C-alpha atoms as a PDB file:
ATOM      1  CA  MET A   1     -22.683 -14.892  54.809  1.00  0.00           C
ATOM      2  CA  PRO A   2     -23.217 -15.293  51.056  1.00  0.00           C
ATOM      3  CA  PRO A   3     -20.030 -15.412  48.885  1.00  0.00           C
ATOM      4  CA  THR A   4     -19.045 -12.126  47.360  1.00  0.00           C
ATOM      5  CA  HIS A   5     -19.495 -12.003  43.592  1.00  0.00           C
ATOM      6  CA  LEU A   6     -16.427 -10.629  41.757  1.00  0.00           C
ATOM      7  CA  THR A   7     -16.913  -9.262  38.300  1.00  0.00           C
ATOM      8  CA  PRO A   8     -14.037  -9.665  35.773  1.00  0.00           C
ATOM      9  CA  ALA A   9     -13.389  -5.885  36.027  1.00  0.00           C
ATOM     10  CA  LEU A  10     -13.180  -5.942  39.876  1.00  0.00           C
ATOM     11  CA  ARG A  11     -11.085  -9.116  39.794  1.00  0.00           C
ATOM     12  CA  ARG A  12      -8.666  -7.368  37.425  1.00  0.00           C
ATOM     13  CA  GLN A  13      -8.523  -4.255  39.623  1.00  0.00           C
ATOM     14  CA  LEU A  14      -7.735  -6.243  42.761  1.00  0.00           C
ATOM     15  CA  SER A  15      -5.097  -8.170  40.851  1.00  0.00           C
ATOM     16  CA  ASP A  16      -3.436  -4.991  39.671  1.00  0.00           C
ATOM     17  CA  GLU A  17      -3.474  -3.488  43.194  1.00  0.00           C
ATOM     18  CA  ALA A  18      -1.958  -6.649  44.626  1.00  0.00           C
ATOM     19  CA  ARG A  19       0.848  -6.621  42.074  1.00  0.00           C
ATOM     20  CA  LYS A  20       1.496  -2.940  42.714  1.00  0.00           C
ATOM     21  CA  LEU A  21       1.865  -3.673  46.408  1.00  0.00           C
ATOM     22  CA  LEU A  22       4.185  -6.590  45.658  1.00  0.00           C
ATOM     23  CA  PHE A  23       6.371  -4.513  43.377  1.00  0.00           C
ATOM     24  CA  ARG A  24       6.614  -1.654  45.843  1.00  0.00           C
ATOM     25  CA  ALA A  25       7.449  -4.044  48.670  1.00  0.00           C
ATOM     26  CA  HIS A  26      10.337  -5.433  46.674  1.00  0.00           C
ATOM     27  CA  GLY A  27      11.529  -2.003  45.553  1.00  0.00           C
ATOM     28  CA  SER A  28      10.682  -2.476  41.848  1.00  0.00           C
ATOM     29  CA  ASP A  29       9.475   0.633  39.967  1.00  0.00           C
ATOM     30  CA  ILE A  30       6.991   0.812  37.123  1.00  0.00           C
ATOM     31  CA  LEU A  31       8.881   0.818  33.861  1.00  0.00           C
ATOM     32  CA  ASP A  32       8.772   4.041  31.963  1.00  0.00           C
ATOM     33  CA  LEU A  33       7.673   3.718  28.341  1.00  0.00           C
ATOM     34  CA  PRO A  34      11.001   4.079  26.550  1.00  0.00           C
ATOM     35  CA  THR A  35      12.687   1.709  28.965  1.00  0.00           C
ATOM     36  CA  SER A  36       9.951  -0.954  28.508  1.00  0.00           C
ATOM     37  CA  LEU A  37      10.760  -1.043  24.777  1.00  0.00           C
ATOM     38  CA  GLN A  38      14.500  -1.583  25.257  1.00  0.00           C
ATOM     39  CA  ASN A  39      16.548  -4.656  26.372  1.00  0.00           C
ATOM     40  CA  MET A  40      13.695  -7.020  26.127  1.00  0.00           C
ATOM     41  CA  ARG A  41      12.440 -10.168  24.380  1.00  0.00           C
ATOM     42  CA  ALA A  42       8.880 -10.379  23.238  1.00  0.00           C
ATOM     43  CA  ASN A  43       6.413 -12.390  21.149  1.00  0.00           C
ATOM     44  CA  LEU A  44       4.264 -10.124  18.909  1.00  0.00           C
ATOM     45  CA  MET A  45       1.094 -10.539  16.960  1.00  0.00           C
ATOM     46  CA  ILE A  46       1.096  -7.934  14.202  1.00  0.00           C
ATOM     47  CA  GLN A  47      -2.043  -7.003  12.263  1.00  0.00           C
ATOM     48  CA  THR A  48      -2.662  -4.725   9.329  1.00  0.00           C
ATOM     49  CA  PRO A  49      -5.889  -4.006   7.395  1.00  0.00           C
ATOM     50  CA  ARG A  50      -4.688  -5.978   4.325  1.00  0.00           C
ATOM     51  CA  ASN A  51      -3.233  -9.015   6.160  1.00  0.00           C
ATOM     52  CA  GLY A  52      -4.209 -11.456   8.811  1.00  0.00           C
ATOM     53  CA  PRO A  53      -2.219 -11.804  12.020  1.00  0.00           C
ATOM     54  CA  LEU A  54       1.587 -12.274  11.732  1.00  0.00           C
ATOM     55  CA  TYR A  55       3.393 -13.895  14.707  1.00  0.00           C
ATOM     56  CA  VAL A  56       7.009 -12.877  15.201  1.00  0.00           C
ATOM     57  CA  GLN A  57       9.635 -12.762  17.941  1.00  0.00           C
ATOM     58  CA  LEU A  58      11.565  -9.569  18.744  1.00  0.00           C
ATOM     59  CA  VAL A  59      14.745  -9.141  20.709  1.00  0.00           C
ATOM     60  CA  ALA A  60      15.837  -5.517  21.348  1.00  0.00           C
ATOM     61  CA  SER A  61      19.122  -4.665  22.959  1.00  0.00           C
ATOM     62  CA  GLY A  62      20.733  -1.240  23.012  1.00  0.00           C
ATOM     63  CA  LEU A  63      20.525   0.199  19.537  1.00  0.00           C
ATOM     64  CA  ASN A  64      20.142  -3.147  17.785  1.00  0.00           C
ATOM     65  CA  TYR A  65      17.096  -5.364  17.368  1.00  0.00           C
ATOM     66  CA  MET A  66      16.121  -8.564  15.584  1.00  0.00           C
ATOM     67  CA  TYR A  67      12.912 -10.021  14.298  1.00  0.00           C
ATOM     68  CA  ARG A  68      12.389 -13.805  13.932  1.00  0.00           C
ATOM     69  CA  TYR A  69       9.600 -15.357  11.868  1.00  0.00           C
ATOM     70  CA  HIS A  70       9.038 -19.119  11.773  1.00  0.00           C
ATOM     71  CA  LEU A  71       8.234 -20.439   8.284  1.00  0.00           C
ATOM     72  CA  GLU A  72       6.334 -23.423   9.410  1.00  0.00           C
ATOM     73  CA  ALA A  73       6.003 -25.015   5.897  1.00  0.00           C
ATOM     74  CA  ILE A  74       9.741 -25.818   5.817  1.00  0.00           C
ATOM     75  CA  GLY A  75      10.544 -25.700   9.573  1.00  0.00           C
ATOM     76  CA  ALA A  76      12.950 -22.726   9.119  1.00  0.00           C
ATOM     77  CA  ASP A  77      13.315 -19.311  10.709  1.00  0.00           C
ATOM     78  CA  ILE A  78      13.579 -16.058   8.752  1.00  0.00           C
ATOM     79  CA  LEU A  79      15.590 -13.395  10.706  1.00  0.00           C
ATOM     80  CA  VAL A  80      16.003  -9.712  10.210  1.00  0.00           C
ATOM     81  CA  LEU A  81      18.726  -8.027  12.276  1.00  0.00           C
ATOM     82  CA  VAL A  82      18.898  -4.219  12.299  1.00  0.00           C
ATOM     83  CA  ARG A  83      22.333  -3.137  13.602  1.00  0.00           C
ATOM     84  CA  ASN A  84      23.504   0.433  13.403  1.00  0.00           C
ATOM     85  CA  GLY A  85      20.629   1.225  11.111  1.00  0.00           C
ATOM     86  CA  SER A  86      21.491  -1.398   8.497  1.00  0.00           C
ATOM     87  CA  ALA A  87      19.391  -4.566   8.027  1.00  0.00           C
ATOM     88  CA  THR A  88      20.914  -8.090   7.634  1.00  0.00           C
ATOM     89  CA  LYS A  89      18.487 -10.870   6.547  1.00  0.00           C
ATOM     90  CA  TRP A  90      19.019 -14.599   6.527  1.00  0.00           C
ATOM     91  CA  ILE A  91      17.288 -17.936   6.977  1.00  0.00           C
ATOM     92  CA  THR A  92      18.258 -20.512   9.546  1.00  0.00           C
ATOM     93  CA  TYR A  93      17.133 -24.123   8.688  1.00  0.00           C
ATOM     94  CA  ALA A  94      16.206 -26.824  11.169  1.00  0.00           C
ATOM     95  CA  THR A  95      19.695 -28.358  10.606  1.00  0.00           C
ATOM     96  CA  GLY A  96      21.258 -25.150  12.005  1.00  0.00           C
ATOM     97  CA  ASP A  97      22.642 -24.078   8.677  1.00  0.00           C
ATOM     98  CA  HIS A  98      22.291 -20.463   7.571  1.00  0.00           C
ATOM     99  CA  GLU A  99      21.843 -18.831   4.226  1.00  0.00           C
ATOM    100  CA  ALA A 100      21.540 -15.180   3.108  1.00  0.00           C
ATOM    101  CA  LEU A 101      17.882 -14.428   2.497  1.00  0.00           C
ATOM    102  CA  ASN A 102      18.504 -12.905  -0.908  1.00  0.00           C
ATOM    103  CA  VAL A 103      20.145 -16.150  -2.045  1.00  0.00           C
ATOM    104  CA  PHE A 104      17.260 -18.205  -0.607  1.00  0.00           C
ATOM    105  CA  LEU A 105      14.614 -15.977  -2.215  1.00  0.00           C
ATOM    106  CA  ALA A 106      16.289 -16.020  -5.657  1.00  0.00           C
ATOM    107  CA  ASP A 107      16.272 -19.823  -5.684  1.00  0.00           C
ATOM    108  CA  PHE A 108      12.883 -20.142  -4.037  1.00  0.00           C
ATOM    109  CA  GLN A 109      11.120 -17.892  -6.617  1.00  0.00           C
ATOM    110  CA  LEU A 110      12.325 -20.221  -9.357  1.00  0.00           C
ATOM    111  CA  HIS A 111      10.941 -23.541  -8.112  1.00  0.00           C
ATOM    112  CA  ASP A 112       9.017 -23.114  -4.900  1.00  0.00           C
ATOM    113  CA  PRO A 113       5.245 -22.747  -4.738  1.00  0.00           C
ATOM    114  CA  GLN A 114       3.720 -19.273  -4.368  1.00  0.00           C
ATOM    115  CA  GLN A 115       2.177 -20.170  -0.984  1.00  0.00           C
ATOM    116  CA  LEU A 116       5.736 -20.209   0.489  1.00  0.00           C
ATOM    117  CA  ASN A 117       6.883 -16.984  -1.151  1.00  0.00           C
ATOM    118  CA  GLU A 118       3.888 -14.989  -0.029  1.00  0.00           C
ATOM    119  CA  PRO A 119       4.267 -15.224   3.788  1.00  0.00           C
ATOM    120  CA  VAL A 120       8.026 -14.368   3.600  1.00  0.00           C
ATOM    121  CA  LEU A 121       7.357 -11.253   1.491  1.00  0.00           C
ATOM    122  CA  LYS A 122       4.500 -10.339   3.897  1.00  0.00           C
ATOM    123  CA  PHE A 123       6.814 -10.635   6.859  1.00  0.00           C
ATOM    124  CA  LEU A 124       9.541  -8.494   5.233  1.00  0.00           C
ATOM    125  CA  ASP A 125       7.035  -5.872   4.188  1.00  0.00           C
ATOM    126  CA  ILE A 126       5.528  -5.470   7.637  1.00  0.00           C
ATOM    127  CA  VAL A 127       8.806  -5.420   9.618  1.00  0.00           C
ATOM    128  CA  ALA A 128      10.215  -2.870   7.140  1.00  0.00           C
ATOM    129  CA  GLN A 129       7.450  -0.513   8.429  1.00  0.00           C
ATOM    130  CA  LEU A 130       8.338  -1.062  12.064  1.00  0.00           C
ATOM    131  CA  ASP A 131      11.630   0.598  13.035  1.00  0.00           C
ATOM    132  CA  VAL A 132      11.958  -0.128  16.709  1.00  0.00           C
ATOM    133  CA  LEU A 133      14.469   2.763  17.227  1.00  0.00           C
ATOM    134  CA  ASP A 134      11.930   5.158  15.769  1.00  0.00           C
ATOM    135  CA  ILE A 135       9.178   3.837  18.052  1.00  0.00           C
ATOM    136  CA  ILE A 136      11.541   4.131  21.067  1.00  0.00           C
ATOM    137  CA  GLN A 137      12.359   7.768  20.106  1.00  0.00           C
ATOM    138  CA  VAL A 138       8.715   8.613  19.671  1.00  0.00           C
ATOM    139  CA  SER A 139       7.873   6.920  23.029  1.00  0.00           C
ATOM    140  CA  SER A 140      10.171   9.321  24.895  1.00  0.00           C
ATOM    141  CA  GLU A 141       7.832  12.153  23.860  1.00  0.00           C
ATOM    142  CA  ALA A 142       4.592  10.265  24.472  1.00  0.00           C
ATOM    143  CA  ILE A 143       1.970  11.848  26.755  1.00  0.00           C
ATOM    144  CA  LEU A 144       0.380   9.745  29.509  1.00  0.00           C
ATOM    145  CA  GLN A 145      -3.401   9.874  29.008  1.00  0.00           C
ATOM    146  CA  GLN A 146      -4.504   7.308  31.617  1.00  0.00           C
ATOM    147  CA  SER A 147      -2.761   5.466  34.378  1.00  0.00           C
ATOM    148  CA  GLU A 148      -5.569   3.179  35.693  1.00  0.00           C
ATOM    149  CA  PRO A 149      -6.253   0.270  35.172  1.00  0.00           C
ATOM    150  CA  THR A 150      -3.756   0.310  32.291  1.00  0.00           C
ATOM    151  CA  ARG A 151      -1.340   3.026  31.365  1.00  0.00           C
ATOM    152  CA  ILE A 152      -2.215   4.706  28.006  1.00  0.00           C
ATOM    153  CA  TYR A 153       0.241   6.927  26.147  1.00  0.00           C
ATOM    154  CA  THR A 154      -0.232   8.813  22.880  1.00  0.00           C
ATOM    155  CA  ALA A 155       2.272  10.398  20.522  1.00  0.00           C
ATOM    156  CA  THR A 156       2.115  12.087  17.157  1.00  0.00           C
ATOM    157  CA  THR A 157       4.731  12.766  14.470  1.00  0.00           C
ATOM    158  CA  PRO A 158       4.210  14.327  10.998  1.00  0.00           C
ATOM    159  CA  LEU A 159       3.975  10.859   9.561  1.00  0.00           C
ATOM    160  CA  GLN A 160       2.455   8.658  12.330  1.00  0.00           C
ATOM    161  CA  SER A 161       0.281   8.697  15.338  1.00  0.00           C
ATOM    162  CA  TYR A 162       0.873   6.158  18.120  1.00  0.00           C
ATOM    163  CA  ARG A 163      -1.111   4.733  21.050  1.00  0.00           C
ATOM    164  CA  PHE A 164       0.742   2.675  23.614  1.00  0.00           C
ATOM    165  CA  ILE A 165      -1.041   0.511  26.228  1.00  0.00           C
ATOM    166  CA  CYS A 166       1.010  -0.720  29.099  1.00  0.00           C
ATOM    167  CA  ASP A 167       0.344  -2.820  32.231  1.00  0.00           C
ATOM    168  CA  GLY A 168      -0.732  -0.477  35.058  1.00  0.00           C
ATOM    169  CA  ALA A 169       1.254  -2.343  37.675  1.00  0.00           C
ATOM    170  CA  THR A 170       4.568  -3.052  35.844  1.00  0.00           C
ATOM    171  CA  GLY A 171       4.615  -0.742  32.813  1.00  0.00           C
ATOM    172  CA  CYS A 172       5.256  -3.691  30.525  1.00  0.00           C
ATOM    173  CA  PRO A 173       3.836  -3.054  27.022  1.00  0.00           C
ATOM    174  CA  ILE A 174       0.545  -4.717  26.110  1.00  0.00           C
ATOM    175  CA  SER A 175      -0.152  -3.208  22.664  1.00  0.00           C
ATOM    176  CA  ILE A 176       1.002  -0.546  20.221  1.00  0.00           C
ATOM    177  CA  ASP A 177      -1.148   1.071  17.530  1.00  0.00           C
ATOM    178  CA  CYS A 178       0.683   2.839  14.625  1.00  0.00           C
ATOM    179  CA  ILE A 179      -1.532   4.831  12.265  1.00  0.00           C
ATOM    180  CA  SER A 180      -0.089   6.573   9.223  1.00  0.00           C
ATOM    181  CA  GLN A 181      -1.032  10.214   8.873  1.00  0.00           C
ATOM    182  CA  GLN A 182      -0.901   9.953   5.055  1.00  0.00           C
ATOM    183  CA  ASP A 183      -2.777   6.840   4.083  1.00  0.00           C
ATOM    184  CA  GLU A 184      -4.369   5.758   7.393  1.00  0.00           C
ATOM    185  CA  ASN A 185      -2.556   2.438   7.230  1.00  0.00           C
ATOM    186  CA  HIS A 186      -3.142   0.963  10.723  1.00  0.00           C
ATOM    187  CA  ILE A 187      -0.640  -1.467  12.233  1.00  0.00           C
ATOM    188  CA  LYS A 188      -1.646  -3.039  15.545  1.00  0.00           C
ATOM    189  CA  ILE A 189       0.935  -4.823  17.651  1.00  0.00           C
ATOM    190  CA  GLN A 190      -0.195  -7.119  20.501  1.00  0.00           C
ATOM    191  CA  VAL A 191       2.499  -8.247  22.895  1.00  0.00           C
ATOM    192  CA  THR A 192       1.651 -11.879  23.759  1.00  0.00           C
ATOM    193  CA  TYR A 193       4.821 -12.577  25.715  1.00  0.00           C
ATOM    194  CA  TYR A 194       7.320 -10.157  27.356  1.00  0.00           C
ATOM    195  CA  ASN A 195      10.561 -10.675  29.266  1.00  0.00           C
ATOM    196  CA  ARG A 196      13.201  -8.246  30.343  1.00  0.00           C
ATOM    197  CA  LEU A 197      16.885  -8.907  29.473  1.00  0.00           C
ATOM    198  CA  VAL A 198      19.201  -8.738  32.495  1.00  0.00           C
ATOM    199  CA  SER A 199      21.650  -6.606  30.503  1.00  0.00           C
ATOM    200  CA  GLN A 200      22.458  -5.740  26.893  1.00  0.00           C
ATOM    201  CA  VAL A 201      23.224  -8.759  24.715  1.00  0.00           C
ATOM    202  CA  VAL A 202      25.284  -8.870  21.552  1.00  0.00           C
ATOM    203  CA  ILE A 203      23.095  -9.611  18.530  1.00  0.00           C
ATOM    204  CA  GLU A 204      25.075 -10.639  15.443  1.00  0.00           C
ATOM    205  CA  ALA A 205      24.431 -12.198  12.099  1.00  0.00           C
ATOM    206  CA  PRO A 206      26.175 -15.456  11.199  1.00  0.00           C
ATOM    207  CA  LEU A 207      29.670 -15.200   9.709  1.00  0.00           C
ATOM    208  CA  GLY A 208      29.601 -14.568   5.999  1.00  0.00           C
ATOM    209  CA  ILE A 209      26.076 -13.071   5.890  1.00  0.00           C
ATOM    210  CA  LEU A 210      26.294  -9.522   4.572  1.00  0.00           C
ATOM    211  CA  SER A 211      23.909  -6.635   5.441  1.00  0.00           C
ATOM    212  CA  ASP A 212      21.845  -5.028   2.709  1.00  0.00           C
ATOM    213  CA  VAL A 213      24.143  -2.034   2.755  1.00  0.00           C
ATOM    214  CA  GLU A 214      27.269  -4.223   2.555  1.00  0.00           C
ATOM    215  CA  ARG A 215      25.861  -6.162  -0.377  1.00  0.00           C
ATOM    216  CA  MET A 216      25.059  -2.955  -2.306  1.00  0.00           C
ATOM    217  CA  MET A 217      28.460  -1.544  -1.453  1.00  0.00           C
ATOM    218  CA  LYS A 218      30.108  -4.669  -2.756  1.00  0.00           C
ATOM    219  CA  VAL A 219      28.201  -4.225  -6.028  1.00  0.00           C
ATOM    220  CA  ALA A 220      29.143  -0.563  -6.154  1.00  0.00           C
ATOM    221  CA  MET A 221      32.906  -1.343  -5.791  1.00  0.00           C
ATOM    222  CA  GLU A 222      32.596  -3.961  -8.557  1.00  0.00           C
ATOM    223  CA  ALA A 223      31.075  -1.325 -10.825  1.00  0.00           C
ATOM    224  CA  TYR A 224      33.759   1.187  -9.883  1.00  0.00           C
ATOM    225  CA  SER A 225      36.480  -1.306 -10.829  1.00  0.00           C
ATOM    226  CA  THR A 226      35.184  -1.202 -14.468  1.00  0.00           C
ATOM    227  CA  TRP A 227      35.430   2.600 -14.612  1.00  0.00           C
ATOM    228  CA  SER A 228      38.188   4.166 -16.803  1.00  0.00           C
ATOM    229  CA  TYR A 229      41.447   4.938 -15.177  1.00  0.00           C
ATOM    230  CA  GLU A 230      40.901   8.711 -15.615  1.00  0.00           C
ATOM    231  CA  ALA A 231      37.505   8.550 -13.907  1.00  0.00           C
ATOM    232  CA  GLN A 232      38.943   6.568 -11.004  1.00  0.00           C
ATOM    233  CA  ILE A 233      41.673   9.140 -10.531  1.00  0.00           C
ATOM    234  CA  GLN A 234      39.141  11.976 -10.586  1.00  0.00           C
ATOM    235  CA  MET A 235      37.091  10.235  -7.898  1.00  0.00           C
ATOM    236  CA  GLN A 236      40.092   9.559  -5.702  1.00  0.00           C
ATOM    237  CA  ASN A 237      41.074  13.251  -5.969  1.00  0.00           C
ATOM    238  CA  LEU A 238      37.591  14.285  -4.916  1.00  0.00           C
ATOM    239  CA  ILE A 239      37.757  12.111  -1.841  1.00  0.00           C
ATOM    240  CA  ASP A 240      41.308  13.344  -1.071  1.00  0.00           C
ATOM    241  CA  GLU A 241      39.884  16.838  -0.827  1.00  0.00           C
ATOM    242  CA  ILE A 242      37.188  15.669   1.599  1.00  0.00           C
ATOM    243  CA  ASP A 243      39.828  14.126   3.841  1.00  0.00           C
ATOM    244  CA  HIS A 244      40.954  17.479   5.300  1.00  0.00           C
ATOM    245  CA  ASP A 245      43.593  16.150   7.723  1.00  0.00           C
ATOM    246  CA  ARG A 246      45.003  13.796   5.045  1.00  0.00           C
ATOM    247  CA  ASP A 247      45.087  10.753   7.294  1.00  0.00           C
ATOM    248  CA  GLY A 248      43.647   8.399   4.710  1.00  0.00           C
ATOM    249  CA  PHE A 249      40.232   8.240   6.329  1.00  0.00           C
ATOM    250  CA  VAL A 250      37.138  10.413   6.059  1.00  0.00           C
ATOM    251  CA  GLY A 251      35.799  11.196   9.564  1.00  0.00           C
ATOM    252  CA  ARG A 252      32.446  12.703  10.678  1.00  0.00           C
ATOM    253  CA  TYR A 253      33.921  16.227  11.051  1.00  0.00           C
ATOM    254  CA  ASP A 254      35.632  15.959   7.601  1.00  0.00           C
ATOM    255  CA  LEU A 255      32.180  15.319   6.080  1.00  0.00           C
ATOM    256  CA  ILE A 256      30.387  18.055   8.089  1.00  0.00           C
ATOM    257  CA  GLU A 257      33.014  20.644   7.077  1.00  0.00           C
ATOM    258  CA  GLN A 258      32.870  19.622   3.344  1.00  0.00           C
ATOM    259  CA  LEU A 259      29.063  19.690   3.219  1.00  0.00           C
ATOM    260  CA  CYS A 260      29.027  23.160   4.807  1.00  0.00           C
ATOM    261  CA  ARG A 261      31.609  24.340   2.236  1.00  0.00           C
ATOM    262  CA  ALA A 262      29.207  23.083  -0.450  1.00  0.00           C
ATOM    263  CA  LYS A 263      26.504  25.390   0.982  1.00  0.00           C
ATOM    264  CA  HIS A 264      24.461  22.702   2.807  1.00  0.00           C
ATOM    265  CA  SER A 265      23.070  23.779   6.167  1.00  0.00           C
ATOM    266  CA  LEU A 266      25.003  22.890   9.334  1.00  0.00           C
ATOM    267  CA  GLU A 267      21.998  20.897  10.616  1.00  0.00           C
ATOM    268  CA  ALA A 268      21.760  18.844   7.401  1.00  0.00           C
ATOM    269  CA  ALA A 269      25.554  18.300   7.401  1.00  0.00           C
ATOM    270  CA  ARG A 270      25.483  16.992  10.915  1.00  0.00           C
ATOM    271  CA  ARG A 271      22.510  14.771  10.369  1.00  0.00           C
ATOM    272  CA  THR A 272      24.055  13.333   7.157  1.00  0.00           C
ATOM    273  CA  ALA A 273      27.496  12.691   8.837  1.00  0.00           C
ATOM    274  CA  LYS A 274      25.785  11.131  11.882  1.00  0.00           C
ATOM    275  CA  GLU A 275      23.822   8.709   9.749  1.00  0.00           C
ATOM    276  CA  MET A 276      26.893   7.761   7.700  1.00  0.00           C
ATOM    277  CA  THR A 277      29.059   7.025  10.628  1.00  0.00           C
ATOM    278  CA  ARG A 278      26.194   5.139  12.427  1.00  0.00           C
ATOM    279  CA  ILE A 279      25.697   2.814   9.485  1.00  0.00           C
ATOM    280  CA  LEU A 280      29.362   2.404   8.548  1.00  0.00           C
ATOM    281  CA  GLY A 281      30.993   2.759  11.938  1.00  0.00           C
ATOM    282  CA  ASP A 282      32.817  -0.034  13.692  1.00  0.00           C
ATOM    283  CA  ASN A 283      31.603  -0.590  17.247  1.00  0.00           C
ATOM    284  CA  GLY A 284      35.145  -1.613  18.196  1.00  0.00           C
ATOM    285  CA  ASN A 285      36.554   1.703  16.756  1.00  0.00           C
ATOM    286  CA  PRO A 286      35.006   4.819  18.299  1.00  0.00           C
ATOM    287  CA  SER A 287      37.036   7.205  16.061  1.00  0.00           C
ATOM    288  CA  GLU A 288      34.098   7.442  13.525  1.00  0.00           C
ATOM    289  CA  GLU A 289      36.565   7.435  10.637  1.00  0.00           C
ATOM    290  CA  ILE A 290      35.765   5.650   7.351  1.00  0.00           C
ATOM    291  CA  THR A 291      38.173   4.208   4.816  1.00  0.00           C
ATOM    292  CA  TYR A 292      38.225   5.735   1.317  1.00  0.00           C
ATOM    293  CA  ASP A 293      36.755   2.544  -0.262  1.00  0.00           C
ATOM    294  CA  SER A 294      33.921   2.349   2.266  1.00  0.00           C
ATOM    295  CA  PHE A 295      33.148   6.103   1.868  1.00  0.00           C
ATOM    296  CA  LEU A 296      33.155   5.818  -1.905  1.00  0.00           C
ATOM    297  CA  ALA A 297      31.015   2.627  -2.031  1.00  0.00           C
ATOM    298  CA  PHE A 298      28.528   4.015   0.504  1.00  0.00           C
ATOM    299  CA  TRP A 299      27.968   7.297  -1.385  1.00  0.00           C
ATOM    300  CA  MET A 300      27.756   5.553  -4.762  1.00  0.00           C
ATOM    301  CA  VAL A 301      24.909   3.485  -3.301  1.00  0.00           C
ATOM    302  CA  MET A 302      23.248   6.491  -1.690  1.00  0.00           C
ATOM    303  CA  LEU A 303      23.419   8.603  -4.865  1.00  0.00           C
ATOM    304  CA  ALA A 304      22.212   5.777  -7.089  1.00  0.00           C
ATOM    305  CA  ASP A 305      19.434   4.627  -4.778  1.00  0.00           C
ATOM    306  CA  GLY A 306      16.046   5.175  -6.368  1.00  0.00           C
ATOM    307  CA  SER A 307      17.484   7.504  -8.986  1.00  0.00           C
ATOM    308  CA  GLN A 308      17.037   7.113 -12.704  1.00  0.00           C
ATOM    309  CA  MET A 309      19.617   9.873 -13.360  1.00  0.00           C
ATOM    310  CA  CYS A 310      22.609   8.391 -11.580  1.00  0.00           C
ATOM    311  CA  ASP A 311      23.748   4.787 -12.302  1.00  0.00           C
ATOM    312  CA  ILE A 312      26.733   3.318 -10.476  1.00  0.00           C
ATOM    313  CA  ASN A 313      28.000   2.081 -13.871  1.00  0.00           C
ATOM    314  CA  ASP A 314      27.838   5.606 -15.372  1.00  0.00           C
ATOM    315  CA  GLU A 315      31.118   7.174 -14.331  1.00  0.00           C
ATOM    316  CA  ILE A 316      30.276  10.602 -15.783  1.00  0.00           C
ATOM    317  CA  ALA A 317      26.921  10.882 -14.031  1.00  0.00           C
ATOM    318  CA  MET A 318      28.348   9.603 -10.745  1.00  0.00           C
ATOM    319  CA  LEU A 319      31.281  12.065 -10.789  1.00  0.00           C
ATOM    320  CA  LYS A 320      28.781  14.859 -11.447  1.00  0.00           C
ATOM    321  CA  ALA A 321      26.675  13.722  -8.563  1.00  0.00           C
ATOM    322  CA  PHE A 322      29.635  13.589  -6.179  1.00  0.00           C
ATOM    323  CA  ARG A 323      30.765  17.080  -7.202  1.00  0.00           C
ATOM    324  CA  GLN A 324      27.260  18.496  -6.792  1.00  0.00           C
ATOM    325  CA  LEU A 325      26.780  16.926  -3.329  1.00  0.00           C
ATOM    326  CA  PHE A 326      30.225  17.645  -1.871  1.00  0.00           C
ATOM    327  CA  TYR A 327      31.376  20.731  -3.723  1.00  0.00           C
ATOM    328  CA  GLY A 328      28.132  22.506  -4.751  1.00  0.00           C
ATOM    329  CA  GLU A 329      26.543  23.392  -8.019  1.00  0.00           C
ATOM    330  CA  GLN A 330      29.224  25.955  -8.922  1.00  0.00           C
ATOM    331  CA  ASN A 331      31.915  23.243  -9.028  1.00  0.00           C
ATOM    332  CA  ILE A 332      30.088  20.859 -11.448  1.00  0.00           C
ATOM    333  CA  ILE A 333      32.209  20.195 -14.519  1.00  0.00           C
ATOM    334  CA  ARG A 334      30.015  20.139 -17.589  1.00  0.00           C
ATOM    335  CA  VAL A 335      30.898  17.152 -19.826  1.00  0.00           C
END
């Protein structure tokens, strides 16, 4: 009897069927799409129209995730940890020493060759566009378009359209396509290695490395310390009024109530308070209450971010912005 010729497609189909039988025999279910993107470790090849392939490692656990990029030229790793919505960036050298990435880049741009600067900035630019939590949220609404031989899901938001391809037998992700609805920027992610974490792991930055938000808040408090005594008293009085239970902290419900009093919609107030407590909240303290200093620094950063009209060093403009946001237009004091 002549040997049976197996085409690559048939060989793949038989392999998939065999793995499905094996998984069923051992009681393992196919991973659903959102689960496959959580509590895992993966190696990714990321491609965009403007850049060649970028190879990074990703660890995702719970609501936190971390990208690692190996800078081969100096044998160091660039890491970006996103924890509670705030990014922390640092470099780990081959010696095991760590340094905040902003410090490294400031020195590096002065006397390092451009060929080293470029890949780091390329990495930072690409991962800034890939919010894993957003992708997980979108994946929960994705529609299954095909289940054999691979599982294909699609999802669309006002800003992006997504295409997820997963292994037909296990549900493990194979690739993700993210296409912008505005400029048709296409990011393609190939998963070259994938492994499930047994349970959630704690992902933390090295001691002494501040997140981007913490660094900006530190700068804001330094600026606030230079304000006049009268302006500082006015700001403290404004925050006192937001602390409705007068316990020395501003909680989520304090903020929601104050924003509603200022004529913001309840939905916007809830969303704003949720984001603030997510970014500033302490995982060890579930009360969702923020100290006055943290509240002040956070909102100074938020109100000044990207605005030419409100500078953290301009006490008059900042007080006006606080009153407008938290007390409404009718309570702005004209100076």
